[in-house]
Amino acid sequence: MRSLPLPLALTARLTPVAVLACAGWAMASGPDKTSTTASGDTPTQQTAGQSASDAPSSSATSTAATKTYAAAPAPCGSIPVATIKSLVPGAKTAGKEIPSTDTKLRRTCSWNALKGYDYRWLDVSFEIMDTDAAAAKEYKDRVAEKSGGGAVPGLGDSGYSVVNLTTEDKQQTREGVVMAQVSNALVVVTYNGSDFENKKAPDTDEINKGAIKAAKSAVTALKGSQ
């Protein structure tokens, strides 16, 4: 096989988420329901004061209730070996985890290979937000940045995919991106490919279906990490 130069963009890439218990008080027997205590307060006043001081803040309760995922799962184990072999022929199925500044919040695994003249690259990322609302906003913002795609029904709480074709030095590369929001987490899959013999890219359907297949596996792995 003759050695072929990779496009500049690909060369650069190859180099590298309490129930409040109120204090009850027994009513004294007798008709006087407003009898005072030794402190001078009525029992009703004492109870009201205790309830106000003992109640947790609503924001703290809300955050705890919505943070389904506390940490990102291991991304390199999120895609079945058979799927890696199918989508990235010739790649090491163990994958390579990309360094992260905070592995609890973001983890990414990458697989890539050049088999013959066919090049494929797959990335899978997990990102953990503080709340479902924060994840939903981030998801919405990213979808807006990558317009032109469409919804992926049944993928997490919300799913979206888009495929784009780029050409550099007459070499085509087609890339698919699939994003999913799952509670307070985001799953992002990037899958692309090129043919260095005819300088063409795989067709849209192949890239889109491959990216969605990987994303479904990643979402399943995320849910199983709880």
Protein backbone atom coordinates (compact mmCIF):
# COMPACT_ATOMS: atom_id res chain seq x y z
CA MET A 1 0.00 0.00 0.00
CA ARG A 2 1.42 3.36 -0.95
CA SER A 3 1.69 6.03 1.70
CA LEU A 4 -0.76 8.88 1.23
CA PRO A 5 -0.69 12.30 2.90
CA LEU A 6 -3.68 13.10 5.11
CA PRO A 7 -5.52 16.43 4.77
CA LEU A 8 -4.25 19.07 7.17
CA ALA A 9 -7.42 18.98 9.35
CA LEU A 10 -7.26 15.21 9.75
CA THR A 11 -3.49 15.23 10.34
CA ALA A 12 -3.92 17.70 13.20
CA ARG A 13 -6.64 15.57 14.71
CA LEU A 14 -4.70 12.34 14.44
CA THR A 15 -1.67 14.00 16.16
CA PRO A 16 -2.95 14.79 19.48
CA VAL A 17 -24.50 15.10 37.53
CA ALA A 18 -35.36 15.27 52.04
CA VAL A 19 -38.63 15.13 53.10
CA LEU A 20 -39.09 17.90 55.67
CA ALA A 21 -40.04 16.45 59.08
CA CYS A 22 -41.99 18.97 61.12
CA ALA A 23 -41.85 18.78 64.92
CA GLY A 24 -45.32 17.86 66.18
CA TRP A 25 -46.65 18.81 69.57
CA ALA A 26 -49.41 17.21 71.57
CA MET A 27 -52.42 19.29 72.44
CA ALA A 28 -52.96 19.46 76.20
CA SER A 29 -56.32 18.18 77.31
CA GLY A 30 -58.79 20.90 78.10
CA PRO A 31 -60.43 23.80 76.30
CA ASP A 32 -57.51 26.26 76.57
CA LYS A 33 -55.70 25.91 73.17
CA THR A 34 -53.76 29.16 73.57
CA SER A 35 -52.07 28.46 76.90
CA THR A 36 -48.59 29.94 77.09
CA THR A 37 -45.36 28.09 77.75
CA ALA A 38 -42.63 29.01 80.22
CA SER A 39 -41.02 31.21 77.58
CA GLY A 40 -44.19 33.19 77.08
CA ASP A 41 -44.78 31.97 73.54
CA THR A 42 -47.82 30.00 72.57
CA PRO A 43 -47.15 26.49 71.20
CA THR A 44 -48.28 27.70 67.79
CA GLN A 45 -45.62 30.40 67.79
CA GLN A 46 -42.91 27.91 68.79
CA THR A 47 -43.87 25.50 66.05
CA ALA A 48 -43.85 28.20 63.41
CA GLY A 49 -40.37 29.30 64.49
CA GLN A 50 -39.04 25.76 64.45
CA SER A 51 -40.50 25.03 61.03
CA ALA A 52 -38.92 28.12 59.52
CA SER A 53 -35.46 27.37 60.92
CA ASP A 54 -35.51 23.64 60.20
CA ALA A 55 -36.73 23.81 56.59
CA PRO A 56 -33.99 23.34 53.93
CA SER A 57 -33.76 25.89 51.15
CA SER A 58 -35.87 25.13 48.10
CA SER A 59 -32.89 25.65 45.79
CA ALA A 60 -30.81 23.04 47.63
CA THR A 61 -33.68 20.54 47.53
CA SER A 62 -34.24 21.20 43.83
CA THR A 63 -30.56 20.74 42.93
CA ALA A 64 -30.34 17.45 44.82
CA ALA A 65 -33.49 16.17 43.16
CA THR A 66 -32.38 16.96 39.60
CA LYS A 67 -28.73 15.82 39.66
CA THR A 68 -29.26 12.26 38.45
CA TYR A 69 -25.63 11.75 37.41
CA ALA A 70 -22.82 12.81 39.73
CA ALA A 71 -19.92 11.84 37.48
CA ALA A 72 -19.15 10.93 33.88
CA PRO A 73 -18.83 7.18 33.19
CA ALA A 74 -15.78 5.60 31.52
CA PRO A 75 -16.26 6.49 27.84
CA CYS A 76 -13.96 3.86 26.32
CA GLY A 77 -16.17 1.10 27.67
CA SER A 78 -19.41 2.67 26.47
CA ILE A 79 -19.38 1.29 22.91
CA PRO A 80 -19.57 -2.48 22.23
CA VAL A 81 -16.50 -4.02 20.60
CA ALA A 82 -18.57 -5.22 17.64
CA THR A 83 -19.76 -1.66 17.00
CA ILE A 84 -16.20 -0.31 17.09
CA LYS A 85 -15.06 -2.93 14.60
CA SER A 86 -17.96 -2.04 12.31
CA LEU A 87 -17.65 1.74 12.49
CA VAL A 88 -13.86 2.06 12.70
CA PRO A 89 -12.28 -0.94 10.93
CA GLY A 90 -8.72 -1.56 12.04
CA ALA A 91 -8.94 0.58 15.20
CA LYS A 92 -7.82 -0.63 18.60
CA THR A 93 -11.11 -1.51 20.26
CA ALA A 94 -9.89 -0.33 23.69
CA GLY A 95 -9.92 3.25 22.41
CA LYS A 96 -7.91 6.14 23.82
CA GLU A 97 -9.26 8.43 26.53
CA ILE A 98 -8.56 12.11 25.95
CA PRO A 99 -7.06 13.99 28.94
CA SER A 100 -9.60 16.11 30.83
CA THR A 101 -9.20 18.85 33.42
CA ASP A 102 -12.01 17.29 35.49
CA THR A 103 -12.90 13.67 34.74
CA LYS A 104 -16.00 13.85 36.97
CA LEU A 105 -17.51 16.48 34.67
CA ARG A 106 -16.23 15.49 31.23
CA ARG A 107 -14.70 12.35 29.73
CA THR A 108 -14.02 11.55 26.07
CA CYS A 109 -12.80 8.45 24.26
CA SER A 110 -11.52 8.32 20.69
CA TRP A 111 -11.06 5.59 18.10
CA ASN A 112 -9.46 6.15 14.67
CA ALA A 113 -7.86 4.08 11.95
CA LEU A 114 -6.73 4.14 8.33
CA LYS A 115 -7.44 0.77 6.75
CA GLY A 116 -6.32 0.65 3.17
CA TYR A 117 -7.46 3.98 1.85
CA ASP A 118 -10.47 4.31 4.17
CA TYR A 119 -10.16 6.54 7.20
CA ARG A 120 -12.65 6.62 10.09
CA TRP A 121 -12.73 8.58 13.36
CA LEU A 122 -15.16 8.19 16.29
CA ASP A 123 -15.40 10.31 19.47
CA VAL A 124 -17.75 9.71 22.41
CA SER A 125 -18.05 12.31 25.20
CA PHE A 126 -19.99 12.46 28.47
CA GLU A 127 -20.55 15.87 30.09
CA ILE A 128 -22.14 16.32 33.53
CA MET A 129 -24.06 19.49 34.48
CA ASP A 130 -25.34 20.61 37.89
CA THR A 131 -29.03 20.32 36.96
CA ASP A 132 -31.36 19.01 34.29
CA ALA A 133 -32.18 22.62 33.41
CA ALA A 134 -28.51 23.45 32.84
CA ALA A 135 -28.09 20.40 30.60
CA ALA A 136 -31.23 21.28 28.65
CA LYS A 137 -29.98 24.81 28.04
CA GLU A 138 -26.56 23.62 26.92
CA TYR A 139 -28.17 21.08 24.60
CA LYS A 140 -30.43 23.74 23.09
CA ASP A 141 -27.51 26.13 22.54
CA ARG A 142 -25.42 23.49 20.78
CA VAL A 143 -28.27 22.41 18.55
CA ALA A 144 -28.71 26.05 17.52
CA GLU A 145 -25.00 26.22 16.61
CA LYS A 146 -25.27 23.13 14.39
CA SER A 147 -28.43 23.87 12.45
CA GLY A 148 -29.50 21.83 9.46
CA GLY A 149 -29.95 18.49 11.20
CA GLY A 150 -32.94 16.80 12.76
CA ALA A 151 -34.32 15.22 15.91
CA VAL A 152 -33.51 11.64 16.85
CA PRO A 153 -36.65 10.21 18.51
CA GLY A 154 -36.10 8.01 21.54
CA LEU A 155 -32.52 9.12 22.17
CA GLY A 156 -32.38 10.28 25.81
CA ASP A 157 -34.69 13.11 26.84
CA SER A 158 -33.80 14.92 23.61
CA GLY A 159 -31.70 13.78 20.66
CA TYR A 160 -30.35 15.52 17.57
CA SER A 161 -28.10 14.61 14.62
CA VAL A 162 -26.49 16.59 11.84
CA VAL A 163 -24.11 15.62 9.01
CA ASN A 164 -21.83 17.98 7.10
CA LEU A 165 -19.46 17.60 4.16
CA THR A 166 -16.16 19.49 3.97
CA THR A 167 -13.51 19.57 1.25
CA GLU A 168 -9.83 20.38 1.77
CA ASP A 169 -7.15 20.00 -0.92
CA LYS A 170 -9.81 18.26 -3.05
CA GLN A 171 -10.29 15.62 -0.33
CA GLN A 172 -13.82 15.20 0.99
CA THR A 173 -14.62 14.41 4.61
CA ARG A 174 -18.13 13.78 5.87
CA GLU A 175 -18.79 14.23 9.59
CA GLY A 176 -21.82 13.37 11.69
CA VAL A 177 -22.53 14.79 15.16
CA VAL A 178 -25.17 13.33 17.45
CA MET A 179 -26.11 14.97 20.75
CA ALA A 180 -28.41 13.71 23.47
CA GLN A 181 -29.57 15.18 26.77
CA VAL A 182 -30.18 12.61 29.50
CA SER A 183 -31.30 14.31 32.73
CA ASN A 184 -28.30 16.44 33.83
CA ALA A 185 -25.88 14.85 31.35
CA LEU A 186 -24.99 15.40 27.71
CA VAL A 187 -23.78 12.67 25.36
CA VAL A 188 -21.94 13.87 22.25
CA VAL A 189 -20.80 11.57 19.44
CA THR A 190 -18.68 12.64 16.46
CA TYR A 191 -18.13 10.24 13.56
CA ASN A 192 -16.39 11.04 10.29
CA GLY A 193 -14.72 9.40 7.34
CA SER A 194 -12.80 9.83 4.07
CA ASP A 195 -11.58 7.70 1.18
CA PHE A 196 -8.03 8.69 0.23
CA GLU A 197 -8.03 6.74 -3.00
CA ASN A 198 -10.91 8.43 -4.78
CA LYS A 199 -10.90 11.51 -2.47
CA LYS A 200 -14.62 10.98 -1.82
CA ALA A 201 -16.40 10.80 1.51
CA PRO A 202 -18.78 8.07 2.74
CA ASP A 203 -22.39 8.86 1.98
CA THR A 204 -24.56 10.77 4.42
CA ASP A 205 -26.67 7.77 5.40
CA GLU A 206 -23.64 5.69 6.42
CA ILE A 207 -22.19 8.41 8.62
CA ASN A 208 -25.51 9.41 10.15
CA LYS A 209 -26.58 5.86 11.00
CA GLY A 210 -23.14 5.07 12.40
CA ALA A 211 -23.14 8.11 14.67
CA ILE A 212 -26.67 7.39 15.92
CA LYS A 213 -25.78 3.75 16.61
CA ALA A 214 -22.80 4.80 18.71
CA ALA A 215 -24.89 7.44 20.52
CA LYS A 216 -27.56 4.89 21.48
CA SER A 217 -24.89 2.63 22.97
CA ALA A 218 -23.37 5.57 24.87
CA VAL A 219 -26.75 6.60 26.31
CA THR A 220 -27.37 3.03 27.44
CA ALA A 221 -23.94 2.98 29.12
CA LEU A 222 -24.67 6.28 30.86
CA LYS A 223 -27.98 5.04 32.26
CA GLY A 224 -26.30 1.87 33.46
CA SER A 225 -23.63 3.84 35.32
CA GLN A 226 -26.00 5.04 38.08
